[in-house]
PDB file of all heavy atoms in Angstrom:
ATOM      1  N   ILE A   1       1.946   3.981  -4.699  1.00  0.00           N
ATOM      2  CA  ILE A   1       2.056   3.216  -3.443  1.00  0.00           C
ATOM      3  C   ILE A   1       2.313   1.743  -3.794  1.00  0.00           C
ATOM      4  O   ILE A   1       1.899   1.248  -4.854  1.00  0.00           O
ATOM      5  CB  ILE A   1       0.823   3.333  -2.605  1.00  0.00           C
ATOM      6  CG1 ILE A   1      -0.395   2.802  -3.311  1.00  0.00           C
ATOM      7  CG2 ILE A   1       0.584   4.783  -2.111  1.00  0.00           C
ATOM      8  CD1 ILE A   1      -1.688   2.656  -2.464  1.00  0.00           C
ATOM      9  N   VAL A   2       3.007   1.063  -2.872  1.00  0.00           N
ATOM     10  CA  VAL A   2       3.198  -0.389  -2.989  1.00  0.00           C
ATOM     11  C   VAL A   2       1.845  -0.898  -2.394  1.00  0.00           C
ATOM     12  O   VAL A   2       1.663  -0.824  -1.183  1.00  0.00           O
ATOM     13  CB  VAL A   2       4.397  -0.927  -2.238  1.00  0.00           C
ATOM     14  CG1 VAL A   2       4.362  -2.468  -2.243  1.00  0.00           C
ATOM     15  CG2 VAL A   2       5.668  -0.351  -2.841  1.00  0.00           C
ATOM     16  N   ARG A   3       0.966  -1.337  -3.225  1.00  0.00           N
ATOM     17  CA  ARG A   3      -0.420  -1.645  -2.812  1.00  0.00           C
ATOM     18  C   ARG A   3      -0.592  -2.733  -1.793  1.00  0.00           C
ATOM     19  O   ARG A   3      -1.357  -2.694  -0.874  1.00  0.00           O
ATOM     20  CB  ARG A   3      -1.256  -1.919  -4.037  1.00  0.00           C
ATOM     21  CG  ARG A   3      -2.715  -2.214  -3.781  1.00  0.00           C
ATOM     22  CD  ARG A   3      -3.440  -0.961  -3.243  1.00  0.00           C
ATOM     23  NE  ARG A   3      -4.891  -1.196  -3.097  1.00  0.00           N
ATOM     24  CZ  ARG A   3      -5.507  -1.664  -2.002  1.00  0.00           C
ATOM     25  NH1 ARG A   3      -4.765  -1.933  -0.937  1.00  0.00           N
ATOM     26  NH2 ARG A   3      -6.787  -1.842  -1.973  1.00  0.00           N
ATOM     27  N   TYR A   4       0.142  -3.860  -1.998  1.00  0.00           N
ATOM     28  CA  TYR A   4      -0.004  -5.001  -1.115  1.00  0.00           C
ATOM     29  C   TYR A   4       1.253  -5.234  -0.287  1.00  0.00           C
ATOM     30  O   TYR A   4       2.211  -5.843  -0.744  1.00  0.00           O
ATOM     31  CB  TYR A   4      -0.321  -6.271  -1.959  1.00  0.00           C
ATOM     32  CG  TYR A   4      -1.532  -6.058  -2.855  1.00  0.00           C
ATOM     33  CD1 TYR A   4      -1.400  -6.097  -4.273  1.00  0.00           C
ATOM     34  CD2 TYR A   4      -2.739  -5.760  -2.313  1.00  0.00           C
ATOM     35  CE1 TYR A   4      -2.510  -5.849  -5.073  1.00  0.00           C
ATOM     36  CE2 TYR A   4      -3.872  -5.511  -3.103  1.00  0.00           C
ATOM     37  CZ  TYR A   4      -3.723  -5.549  -4.515  1.00  0.00           C
ATOM     38  OH  TYR A   4      -4.849  -5.327  -5.303  1.00  0.00           O
ATOM     39  N   GLN A   5       1.225  -4.620   0.885  1.00  0.00           N
ATOM     40  CA  GLN A   5       2.406  -4.576   1.692  1.00  0.00           C
ATOM     41  C   GLN A   5       2.622  -5.815   2.583  1.00  0.00           C
ATOM     42  O   GLN A   5       1.707  -6.568   2.805  1.00  0.00           O
ATOM     43  CB  GLN A   5       2.342  -3.350   2.640  1.00  0.00           C
ATOM     44  CG  GLN A   5       2.361  -2.008   1.926  1.00  0.00           C
ATOM     45  CD  GLN A   5       2.277  -0.866   2.869  1.00  0.00           C
ATOM     46  OE1 GLN A   5       2.517  -1.009   4.085  1.00  0.00           O
ATOM     47  NE2 GLN A   5       1.962   0.334   2.367  1.00  0.00           N
ATOM     48  N   ASP A   6       3.910  -5.968   3.006  1.00  0.00           N
ATOM     49  CA  ASP A   6       4.213  -7.111   3.844  1.00  0.00           C
ATOM     50  C   ASP A   6       3.552  -6.969   5.212  1.00  0.00           C
ATOM     51  O   ASP A   6       3.574  -5.882   5.823  1.00  0.00           O
ATOM     52  CB  ASP A   6       5.761  -7.124   4.039  1.00  0.00           C
ATOM     53  CG  ASP A   6       6.251  -8.389   4.701  1.00  0.00           C
ATOM     54  OD1 ASP A   6       5.526  -9.390   4.716  1.00  0.00           O
ATOM     55  OD2 ASP A   6       7.390  -8.369   5.186  1.00  0.00           O
ATOM     56  N   GLY A   7       2.930  -8.008   5.694  1.00  0.00           N
ATOM     57  CA  GLY A   7       2.281  -7.979   6.973  1.00  0.00           C
ATOM     58  C   GLY A   7       0.893  -7.460   6.965  1.00  0.00           C
ATOM     59  O   GLY A   7       0.180  -7.409   8.004  1.00  0.00           O
ATOM     60  N   LYS A   8       0.381  -7.055   5.756  1.00  0.00           N
ATOM     61  CA  LYS A   8      -0.978  -6.554   5.617  1.00  0.00           C
ATOM     62  C   LYS A   8      -1.891  -7.478   4.883  1.00  0.00           C
ATOM     63  O   LYS A   8      -2.991  -7.139   4.420  1.00  0.00           O
ATOM     64  CB  LYS A   8      -0.934  -5.204   4.856  1.00  0.00           C
ATOM     65  CG  LYS A   8       0.085  -4.202   5.453  1.00  0.00           C
ATOM     66  CD  LYS A   8      -0.407  -3.547   6.637  1.00  0.00           C
ATOM     67  CE  LYS A   8       0.504  -2.374   7.054  1.00  0.00           C
ATOM     68  NZ  LYS A   8      -0.010  -1.686   8.270  1.00  0.00           N
ATOM     69  N   GLU A   9      -1.500  -8.770   4.804  1.00  0.00           N
ATOM     70  CA  GLU A   9      -2.284  -9.762   4.047  1.00  0.00           C
ATOM     71  C   GLU A   9      -3.740  -9.867   4.485  1.00  0.00           C
ATOM     72  O   GLU A   9      -4.662  -9.992   3.703  1.00  0.00           O
ATOM     73  CB  GLU A   9      -1.621 -11.095   4.084  1.00  0.00           C
ATOM     74  CG  GLU A   9      -0.275 -11.158   3.344  1.00  0.00           C
ATOM     75  CD  GLU A   9       0.925 -10.625   4.196  1.00  0.00           C
ATOM     76  OE1 GLU A   9       0.682 -10.204   5.329  1.00  0.00           O
ATOM     77  OE2 GLU A   9       2.026 -10.722   3.720  1.00  0.00           O
ATOM     78  N   ALA A  10      -3.916  -9.822   5.838  1.00  0.00           N
ATOM     79  CA  ALA A  10      -5.264  -9.966   6.372  1.00  0.00           C
ATOM     80  C   ALA A  10      -6.145  -8.798   6.029  1.00  0.00           C
ATOM     81  O   ALA A  10      -7.381  -8.879   6.040  1.00  0.00           O
ATOM     82  CB  ALA A  10      -5.194 -10.172   7.869  1.00  0.00           C
ATOM     83  N   VAL A  11      -5.515  -7.636   5.749  1.00  0.00           N
ATOM     84  CA  VAL A  11      -6.277  -6.442   5.446  1.00  0.00           C
ATOM     85  C   VAL A  11      -6.590  -6.332   3.942  1.00  0.00           C
ATOM     86  O   VAL A  11      -7.674  -6.077   3.543  1.00  0.00           O
ATOM     87  CB  VAL A  11      -5.482  -5.178   5.872  1.00  0.00           C
ATOM     88  CG1 VAL A  11      -6.266  -3.918   5.566  1.00  0.00           C
ATOM     89  CG2 VAL A  11      -5.180  -5.240   7.325  1.00  0.00           C
ATOM     90  N   THR A  12      -5.541  -6.599   3.133  1.00  0.00           N
ATOM     91  CA  THR A  12      -5.698  -6.453   1.673  1.00  0.00           C
ATOM     92  C   THR A  12      -6.367  -7.684   1.034  1.00  0.00           C
ATOM     93  O   THR A  12      -6.988  -7.585  -0.069  1.00  0.00           O
ATOM     94  CB  THR A  12      -4.375  -6.206   0.971  1.00  0.00           C
ATOM     95  OG1 THR A  12      -3.517  -7.362   1.160  1.00  0.00           O
ATOM     96  CG2 THR A  12      -3.667  -4.941   1.567  1.00  0.00           C
ATOM     97  N   GLY A  13      -6.137  -8.818   1.661  1.00  0.00           N
ATOM     98  CA  GLY A  13      -6.651 -10.107   1.076  1.00  0.00           C
ATOM     99  C   GLY A  13      -5.705 -10.730   0.121  1.00  0.00           C
ATOM    100  O   GLY A  13      -6.009 -11.756  -0.481  1.00  0.00           O
ATOM    101  N   TYR A  14      -4.520 -10.136  -0.046  1.00  0.00           N
ATOM    102  CA  TYR A  14      -3.496 -10.700  -0.965  1.00  0.00           C
ATOM    103  C   TYR A  14      -2.105 -10.759  -0.310  1.00  0.00           C
ATOM    104  O   TYR A  14      -1.851 -10.021   0.653  1.00  0.00           O
ATOM    105  CB  TYR A  14      -3.410  -9.810  -2.202  1.00  0.00           C
ATOM    106  CG  TYR A  14      -4.674  -9.787  -3.030  1.00  0.00           C
ATOM    107  CD1 TYR A  14      -5.571  -8.743  -3.008  1.00  0.00           C
ATOM    108  CD2 TYR A  14      -4.948 -10.876  -3.876  1.00  0.00           C
ATOM    109  CE1 TYR A  14      -6.718  -8.753  -3.792  1.00  0.00           C
ATOM    110  CE2 TYR A  14      -6.100 -10.928  -4.631  1.00  0.00           C
ATOM    111  CZ  TYR A  14      -7.006  -9.836  -4.523  1.00  0.00           C
ATOM    112  OH  TYR A  14      -8.189  -9.883  -5.300  1.00  0.00           O
ATOM    113  N   GLN A  15      -1.293 -11.630  -0.809  1.00  0.00           N
ATOM    114  CA  GLN A  15       0.066 -11.775  -0.320  1.00  0.00           C
ATOM    115  C   GLN A  15       0.855 -10.511  -0.601  1.00  0.00           C
ATOM    116  O   GLN A  15       0.483  -9.710  -1.383  1.00  0.00           O
ATOM    117  CB  GLN A  15       0.721 -13.044  -0.965  1.00  0.00           C
ATOM    118  CG  GLN A  15       0.963 -12.818  -2.475  1.00  0.00           C
ATOM    119  CD  GLN A  15       1.686 -13.999  -3.080  1.00  0.00           C
ATOM    120  OE1 GLN A  15       1.450 -15.137  -2.756  1.00  0.00           O
ATOM    121  NE2 GLN A  15       2.626 -13.660  -3.999  1.00  0.00           N
ATOM    122  N   TYR A  16       2.011 -10.444   0.038  1.00  0.00           N
ATOM    123  CA  TYR A  16       2.900  -9.320  -0.155  1.00  0.00           C
ATOM    124  C   TYR A  16       3.356  -9.273  -1.604  1.00  0.00           C
ATOM    125  O   TYR A  16       3.846 -10.303  -2.146  1.00  0.00           O
ATOM    126  CB  TYR A  16       4.111  -9.478   0.770  1.00  0.00           C
ATOM    127  CG  TYR A  16       5.240  -8.530   0.599  1.00  0.00           C
ATOM    128  CD1 TYR A  16       4.959  -7.136   0.375  1.00  0.00           C
ATOM    129  CD2 TYR A  16       6.534  -8.945   0.795  1.00  0.00           C
ATOM    130  CE1 TYR A  16       6.045  -6.254   0.273  1.00  0.00           C
ATOM    131  CE2 TYR A  16       7.632  -8.009   0.748  1.00  0.00           C
ATOM    132  CZ  TYR A  16       7.366  -6.710   0.448  1.00  0.00           C
ATOM    133  OH  TYR A  16       8.384  -5.792   0.341  1.00  0.00           O
ATOM    134  N   GLU A  17       3.217  -8.150  -2.251  1.00  0.00           N
ATOM    135  CA  GLU A  17       3.621  -7.998  -3.666  1.00  0.00           C
ATOM    136  C   GLU A  17       4.407  -6.687  -3.864  1.00  0.00           C
ATOM    137  O   GLU A  17       3.903  -5.643  -4.169  1.00  0.00           O
ATOM    138  CB  GLU A  17       2.378  -7.928  -4.599  1.00  0.00           C
ATOM    139  CG  GLU A  17       1.583  -9.261  -4.628  1.00  0.00           C
ATOM    140  CD  GLU A  17       0.460  -9.250  -5.708  1.00  0.00           C
ATOM    141  OE1 GLU A  17       0.320  -8.251  -6.385  1.00  0.00           O
ATOM    142  OE2 GLU A  17      -0.154 -10.312  -5.821  1.00  0.00           O
ATOM    143  N   PRO A  18       5.745  -6.783  -3.575  1.00  0.00           N
ATOM    144  CA  PRO A  18       6.596  -5.612  -3.674  1.00  0.00           C
ATOM    145  C   PRO A  18       6.697  -5.038  -5.074  1.00  0.00           C
ATOM    146  O   PRO A  18       7.198  -3.934  -5.274  1.00  0.00           O
ATOM    147  CB  PRO A  18       7.941  -6.120  -3.153  1.00  0.00           C
ATOM    148  CG  PRO A  18       7.868  -7.602  -3.465  1.00  0.00           C
ATOM    149  CD  PRO A  18       6.497  -7.999  -3.211  1.00  0.00           C
ATOM    150  N   TRP A  19       6.204  -5.784  -6.038  1.00  0.00           N
ATOM    151  CA  TRP A  19       6.321  -5.391  -7.472  1.00  0.00           C
ATOM    152  C   TRP A  19       5.113  -4.604  -7.974  1.00  0.00           C
ATOM    153  O   TRP A  19       5.097  -3.967  -8.956  1.00  0.00           O
ATOM    154  CB  TRP A  19       6.511  -6.586  -8.363  1.00  0.00           C
ATOM    155  CG  TRP A  19       5.361  -7.557  -8.269  1.00  0.00           C
ATOM    156  CD1 TRP A  19       4.190  -7.508  -9.007  1.00  0.00           C
ATOM    157  CD2 TRP A  19       5.219  -8.668  -7.464  1.00  0.00           C
ATOM    158  NE1 TRP A  19       3.340  -8.549  -8.666  1.00  0.00           N
ATOM    159  CE2 TRP A  19       3.954  -9.268  -7.732  1.00  0.00           C
ATOM    160  CE3 TRP A  19       6.056  -9.256  -6.481  1.00  0.00           C
ATOM    161  CZ2 TRP A  19       3.517 -10.439  -7.035  1.00  0.00           C
ATOM    162  CZ3 TRP A  19       5.640 -10.460  -5.848  1.00  0.00           C
ATOM    163  CH2 TRP A  19       4.379 -11.007  -6.105  1.00  0.00           C
ATOM    164  N   HIS A  20       4.003  -4.685  -7.227  1.00  0.00           N
ATOM    165  CA  HIS A  20       2.716  -4.162  -7.648  1.00  0.00           C
ATOM    166  C   HIS A  20       2.518  -2.779  -7.092  1.00  0.00           C
ATOM    167  O   HIS A  20       2.319  -2.560  -5.870  1.00  0.00           O
ATOM    168  CB  HIS A  20       1.534  -5.044  -7.164  1.00  0.00           C
ATOM    169  CG  HIS A  20       0.175  -4.568  -7.554  1.00  0.00           C
ATOM    170  ND1 HIS A  20      -0.535  -5.187  -8.571  1.00  0.00           N
ATOM    171  CD2 HIS A  20      -0.602  -3.579  -7.101  1.00  0.00           C
ATOM    172  CE1 HIS A  20      -1.717  -4.553  -8.671  1.00  0.00           C
ATOM    173  NE2 HIS A  20      -1.753  -3.570  -7.833  1.00  0.00           N
ATOM    174  N   ILE A  21       2.572  -1.776  -7.959  1.00  0.00           N
ATOM    175  CA  ILE A  21       2.406  -0.361  -7.513  1.00  0.00           C
ATOM    176  C   ILE A  21       1.070   0.182  -8.064  1.00  0.00           C
ATOM    177  O   ILE A  21       0.690  -0.224  -9.149  1.00  0.00           O
ATOM    178  CB  ILE A  21       3.561   0.507  -7.841  1.00  0.00           C
ATOM    179  CG1 ILE A  21       3.806   0.551  -9.396  1.00  0.00           C
ATOM    180  CG2 ILE A  21       4.829   0.089  -7.130  1.00  0.00           C
ATOM    181  CD1 ILE A  21       4.881   1.517  -9.819  1.00  0.00           C
ATOM    182  N   ARG A  22       0.522   1.087  -7.361  1.00  0.00           N
ATOM    183  CA  ARG A  22      -0.795   1.676  -7.719  1.00  0.00           C
ATOM    184  C   ARG A  22      -0.669   3.201  -7.677  1.00  0.00           C
ATOM    185  O   ARG A  22      -0.227   3.772  -6.671  1.00  0.00           O
ATOM    186  CB  ARG A  22      -1.837   1.143  -6.783  1.00  0.00           C
ATOM    187  CG  ARG A  22      -3.098   2.018  -6.552  1.00  0.00           C
ATOM    188  CD  ARG A  22      -3.991   2.049  -7.802  1.00  0.00           C
ATOM    189  NE  ARG A  22      -5.008   3.107  -7.643  1.00  0.00           N
ATOM    190  CZ  ARG A  22      -6.153   2.929  -7.025  1.00  0.00           C
ATOM    191  NH1 ARG A  22      -6.506   1.745  -6.516  1.00  0.00           N
ATOM    192  NH2 ARG A  22      -6.999   3.961  -6.965  1.00  0.00           N
ATOM    193  N   TYR A  23      -1.103   3.846  -8.732  1.00  0.00           N
ATOM    194  CA  TYR A  23      -1.123   5.324  -8.757  1.00  0.00           C
ATOM    195  C   TYR A  23      -2.282   5.924  -7.992  1.00  0.00           C
ATOM    196  O   TYR A  23      -3.448   5.535  -8.232  1.00  0.00           O
ATOM    197  CB  TYR A  23      -1.134   5.858 -10.191  1.00  0.00           C
ATOM    198  CG  TYR A  23      -1.008   7.330 -10.254  1.00  0.00           C
ATOM    199  CD1 TYR A  23       0.233   7.956 -10.041  1.00  0.00           C
ATOM    200  CD2 TYR A  23      -2.106   8.179 -10.571  1.00  0.00           C
ATOM    201  CE1 TYR A  23       0.333   9.339 -10.107  1.00  0.00           C
ATOM    202  CE2 TYR A  23      -1.980   9.527 -10.593  1.00  0.00           C
ATOM    203  CZ  TYR A  23      -0.743  10.122 -10.384  1.00  0.00           C
ATOM    204  OH  TYR A  23      -0.639  11.486 -10.439  1.00  0.00           O
ATOM    205  N   VAL A  24      -2.021   6.846  -7.072  1.00  0.00           N
ATOM    206  CA  VAL A  24      -3.099   7.551  -6.319  1.00  0.00           C
ATOM    207  C   VAL A  24      -2.828   9.048  -6.273  1.00  0.00           C
ATOM    208  O   VAL A  24      -3.625   9.800  -5.751  1.00  0.00           O
ATOM    209  CB  VAL A  24      -3.140   7.001  -4.841  1.00  0.00           C
ATOM    210  CG1 VAL A  24      -3.657   5.607  -4.817  1.00  0.00           C
ATOM    211  CG2 VAL A  24      -1.802   7.173  -4.118  1.00  0.00           C
ATOM    212  N   GLY A  25      -1.720   9.483  -6.857  1.00  0.00           N
ATOM    213  CA  GLY A  25      -1.395  10.897  -6.831  1.00  0.00           C
ATOM    214  C   GLY A  25      -0.390  11.184  -5.665  1.00  0.00           C
ATOM    215  O   GLY A  25      -0.390  10.480  -4.663  1.00  0.00           O
ATOM    216  N   LYS A  26       0.459  12.175  -5.861  1.00  0.00           N
ATOM    217  CA  LYS A  26       1.538  12.430  -4.860  1.00  0.00           C
ATOM    218  C   LYS A  26       0.965  12.755  -3.435  1.00  0.00           C
ATOM    219  O   LYS A  26       1.529  12.359  -2.440  1.00  0.00           O
ATOM    220  CB  LYS A  26       2.410  13.581  -5.341  1.00  0.00           C
ATOM    221  CG  LYS A  26       3.233  13.237  -6.506  1.00  0.00           C
ATOM    222  CD  LYS A  26       4.184  14.417  -6.874  1.00  0.00           C
ATOM    223  CE  LYS A  26       5.013  14.073  -8.074  1.00  0.00           C
ATOM    224  NZ  LYS A  26       5.899  15.236  -8.475  1.00  0.00           N
ATOM    225  N   GLU A  27      -0.118  13.516  -3.394  1.00  0.00           N
ATOM    226  CA  GLU A  27      -0.683  13.963  -2.132  1.00  0.00           C
ATOM    227  C   GLU A  27      -0.992  12.742  -1.222  1.00  0.00           C
ATOM    228  O   GLU A  27      -0.541  12.636  -0.091  1.00  0.00           O
ATOM    229  CB  GLU A  27      -1.912  14.804  -2.374  1.00  0.00           C
ATOM    230  CG  GLU A  27      -2.522  15.393  -1.082  1.00  0.00           C
ATOM    231  CD  GLU A  27      -3.745  16.166  -1.434  1.00  0.00           C
ATOM    232  OE1 GLU A  27      -4.408  15.997  -2.409  1.00  0.00           O
ATOM    233  OE2 GLU A  27      -4.081  17.045  -0.529  1.00  0.00           O
ATOM    234  N   LEU A  28      -1.770  11.839  -1.735  1.00  0.00           N
ATOM    235  CA  LEU A  28      -2.164  10.625  -0.980  1.00  0.00           C
ATOM    236  C   LEU A  28      -0.966   9.686  -0.788  1.00  0.00           C
ATOM    237  O   LEU A  28      -0.809   9.099   0.287  1.00  0.00           O
ATOM    238  CB  LEU A  28      -3.316   9.909  -1.629  1.00  0.00           C
ATOM    239  CG  LEU A  28      -3.789   8.633  -0.957  1.00  0.00           C
ATOM    240  CD1 LEU A  28      -4.212   8.931   0.489  1.00  0.00           C
ATOM    241  CD2 LEU A  28      -4.966   8.077  -1.729  1.00  0.00           C
ATOM    242  N   ALA A  29      -0.183   9.522  -1.828  1.00  0.00           N
ATOM    243  CA  ALA A  29       0.951   8.599  -1.738  1.00  0.00           C
ATOM    244  C   ALA A  29       1.933   9.042  -0.657  1.00  0.00           C
ATOM    245  O   ALA A  29       2.382   8.186   0.125  1.00  0.00           O
ATOM    246  CB  ALA A  29       1.711   8.563  -3.039  1.00  0.00           C
ATOM    247  N   ASP A  30       2.190  10.327  -0.521  1.00  0.00           N
ATOM    248  CA  ASP A  30       3.059  10.822   0.553  1.00  0.00           C
ATOM    249  C   ASP A  30       2.473  10.593   1.892  1.00  0.00           C
ATOM    250  O   ASP A  30       3.200  10.103   2.818  1.00  0.00           O
ATOM    251  CB  ASP A  30       3.257  12.334   0.359  1.00  0.00           C
ATOM    252  CG  ASP A  30       4.219  12.731  -0.733  1.00  0.00           C
ATOM    253  OD1 ASP A  30       4.977  11.850  -1.156  1.00  0.00           O
ATOM    254  OD2 ASP A  30       4.173  13.837  -1.178  1.00  0.00           O
ATOM    255  N   GLU A  31       1.204  10.771   2.056  1.00  0.00           N
ATOM    256  CA  GLU A  31       0.510  10.582   3.331  1.00  0.00           C
ATOM    257  C   GLU A  31       0.506   9.105   3.729  1.00  0.00           C
ATOM    258  O   GLU A  31       0.806   8.755   4.902  1.00  0.00           O
ATOM    259  CB  GLU A  31      -0.944  11.067   3.268  1.00  0.00           C
ATOM    260  CG  GLU A  31      -1.591  11.276   4.630  1.00  0.00           C
ATOM    261  CD  GLU A  31      -1.052  12.397   5.463  1.00  0.00           C
ATOM    262  OE1 GLU A  31      -0.353  13.242   4.900  1.00  0.00           O
ATOM    263  OE2 GLU A  31      -1.299  12.385   6.679  1.00  0.00           O
ATOM    264  N   MET A  32       0.233   8.255   2.804  1.00  0.00           N
ATOM    265  CA  MET A  32       0.234   6.800   3.095  1.00  0.00           C
ATOM    266  C   MET A  32       1.662   6.261   3.381  1.00  0.00           C
ATOM    267  O   MET A  32       1.848   5.342   4.202  1.00  0.00           O
ATOM    268  CB  MET A  32      -0.428   6.042   1.894  1.00  0.00           C
ATOM    269  CG  MET A  32      -1.881   6.311   1.781  1.00  0.00           C
ATOM    270  SD  MET A  32      -2.694   5.300   0.519  1.00  0.00           S
ATOM    271  CE  MET A  32      -2.521   3.697   1.167  1.00  0.00           C
ATOM    272  N   TYR A  33       2.632   6.810   2.709  1.00  0.00           N
ATOM    273  CA  TYR A  33       4.001   6.420   2.942  1.00  0.00           C
ATOM    274  C   TYR A  33       4.410   6.782   4.407  1.00  0.00           C
ATOM    275  O   TYR A  33       5.069   5.969   5.118  1.00  0.00           O
ATOM    276  CB  TYR A  33       4.969   7.109   2.004  1.00  0.00           C
ATOM    277  CG  TYR A  33       6.412   6.729   2.144  1.00  0.00           C
ATOM    278  CD1 TYR A  33       6.896   5.473   1.613  1.00  0.00           C
ATOM    279  CD2 TYR A  33       7.316   7.563   2.760  1.00  0.00           C
ATOM    280  CE1 TYR A  33       8.201   5.156   1.747  1.00  0.00           C
ATOM    281  CE2 TYR A  33       8.638   7.184   2.935  1.00  0.00           C
ATOM    282  CZ  TYR A  33       9.116   5.971   2.438  1.00  0.00           C
ATOM    283  OH  TYR A  33      10.444   5.620   2.566  1.00  0.00           O
ATOM    284  N   LYS A  34       3.982   8.030   4.828  1.00  0.00           N
ATOM    285  CA  LYS A  34       4.348   8.451   6.165  1.00  0.00           C
ATOM    286  C   LYS A  34       3.675   7.579   7.260  1.00  0.00           C
ATOM    287  O   LYS A  34       4.214   7.346   8.300  1.00  0.00           O
ATOM    288  CB  LYS A  34       3.952   9.884   6.348  1.00  0.00           C
ATOM    289  CG  LYS A  34       4.843  10.899   5.602  1.00  0.00           C
ATOM    290  CD  LYS A  34       4.552  12.309   5.957  1.00  0.00           C
ATOM    291  CE  LYS A  34       3.166  12.750   5.486  1.00  0.00           C
ATOM    292  NZ  LYS A  34       2.888  14.193   5.780  1.00  0.00           N
ATOM    293  N   THR A  35       2.405   7.206   6.959  1.00  0.00           N
ATOM    294  CA  THR A  35       1.622   6.500   7.994  1.00  0.00           C
ATOM    295  C   THR A  35       1.795   5.005   7.889  1.00  0.00           C
ATOM    296  O   THR A  35       1.343   4.234   8.718  1.00  0.00           O
ATOM    297  CB  THR A  35       0.143   6.800   7.871  1.00  0.00           C
ATOM    298  OG1 THR A  35      -0.338   6.456   6.547  1.00  0.00           O
ATOM    299  CG2 THR A  35      -0.140   8.304   8.094  1.00  0.00           C
ATOM    300  N   ASN A  36       2.485   4.504   6.759  1.00  0.00           N
ATOM    301  CA  ASN A  36       2.746   3.117   6.552  1.00  0.00           C
ATOM    302  C   ASN A  36       1.443   2.311   6.581  1.00  0.00           C
ATOM    303  O   ASN A  36       1.367   1.269   7.271  1.00  0.00           O
ATOM    304  CB  ASN A  36       3.750   2.537   7.566  1.00  0.00           C
ATOM    305  CG  ASN A  36       4.190   1.127   7.258  1.00  0.00           C
ATOM    306  OD1 ASN A  36       4.353   0.779   6.086  1.00  0.00           O
ATOM    307  ND2 ASN A  36       4.412   0.315   8.283  1.00  0.00           N
ATOM    308  N   GLN A  37       0.477   2.774   5.842  1.00  0.00           N
ATOM    309  CA  GLN A  37      -0.853   2.111   5.814  1.00  0.00           C
ATOM    310  C   GLN A  37      -1.270   1.707   4.363  1.00  0.00           C
ATOM    311  O   GLN A  37      -0.756   2.345   3.427  1.00  0.00           O
ATOM    312  CB  GLN A  37      -1.991   2.980   6.387  1.00  0.00           C
ATOM    313  CG  GLN A  37      -1.835   3.289   7.876  1.00  0.00           C
ATOM    314  CD  GLN A  37      -2.897   4.184   8.360  1.00  0.00           C
ATOM    315  OE1 GLN A  37      -3.104   5.257   7.845  1.00  0.00           O
ATOM    316  NE2 GLN A  37      -3.603   3.751   9.362  1.00  0.00           N
ATOM    317  N   VAL A  38      -2.086   0.720   4.288  1.00  0.00           N
ATOM    318  CA  VAL A  38      -2.652   0.385   2.954  1.00  0.00           C
ATOM    319  C   VAL A  38      -3.968   1.110   2.859  1.00  0.00           C
ATOM    320  O   VAL A  38      -4.447   1.679   3.850  1.00  0.00           O
ATOM    321  CB  VAL A  38      -2.889  -1.147   2.828  1.00  0.00           C
ATOM    322  CG1 VAL A  38      -1.518  -1.847   2.782  1.00  0.00           C
ATOM    323  CG2 VAL A  38      -3.707  -1.677   3.967  1.00  0.00           C
ATOM    324  N   MET A  39      -4.552   1.146   1.698  1.00  0.00           N
ATOM    325  CA  MET A  39      -5.763   1.944   1.461  1.00  0.00           C
ATOM    326  C   MET A  39      -6.888   1.591   2.384  1.00  0.00           C
ATOM    327  O   MET A  39      -7.656   2.446   2.887  1.00  0.00           O
ATOM    328  CB  MET A  39      -6.242   1.847  -0.040  1.00  0.00           C
ATOM    329  CG  MET A  39      -5.192   2.378  -1.018  1.00  0.00           C
ATOM    330  SD  MET A  39      -5.785   2.397  -2.709  1.00  0.00           S
ATOM    331  CE  MET A  39      -6.731   3.942  -2.748  1.00  0.00           C
ATOM    332  N   GLU A  40      -7.089   0.288   2.633  1.00  0.00           N
ATOM    333  CA  GLU A  40      -8.191  -0.111   3.509  1.00  0.00           C
ATOM    334  C   GLU A  40      -8.025   0.440   4.921  1.00  0.00           C
ATOM    335  O   GLU A  40      -9.024   0.814   5.600  1.00  0.00           O
ATOM    336  CB  GLU A  40      -8.282  -1.662   3.562  1.00  0.00           C
ATOM    337  CG  GLU A  40      -8.764  -2.306   2.302  1.00  0.00           C
ATOM    338  CD  GLU A  40      -7.726  -2.494   1.254  1.00  0.00           C
ATOM    339  OE1 GLU A  40      -6.585  -2.060   1.503  1.00  0.00           O
ATOM    340  OE2 GLU A  40      -8.066  -2.985   0.188  1.00  0.00           O
TER     341      GLU A  40
END
């Protein structure tokens, strides 16, 4: 997943980082991609 998404700074606590990816496994990554959400 792209961990720190654009517009989610108040949620993640960090600026948008399109280069920072985080491994969570395909199952969760697919679900988060569909819902357009960060982990928090």
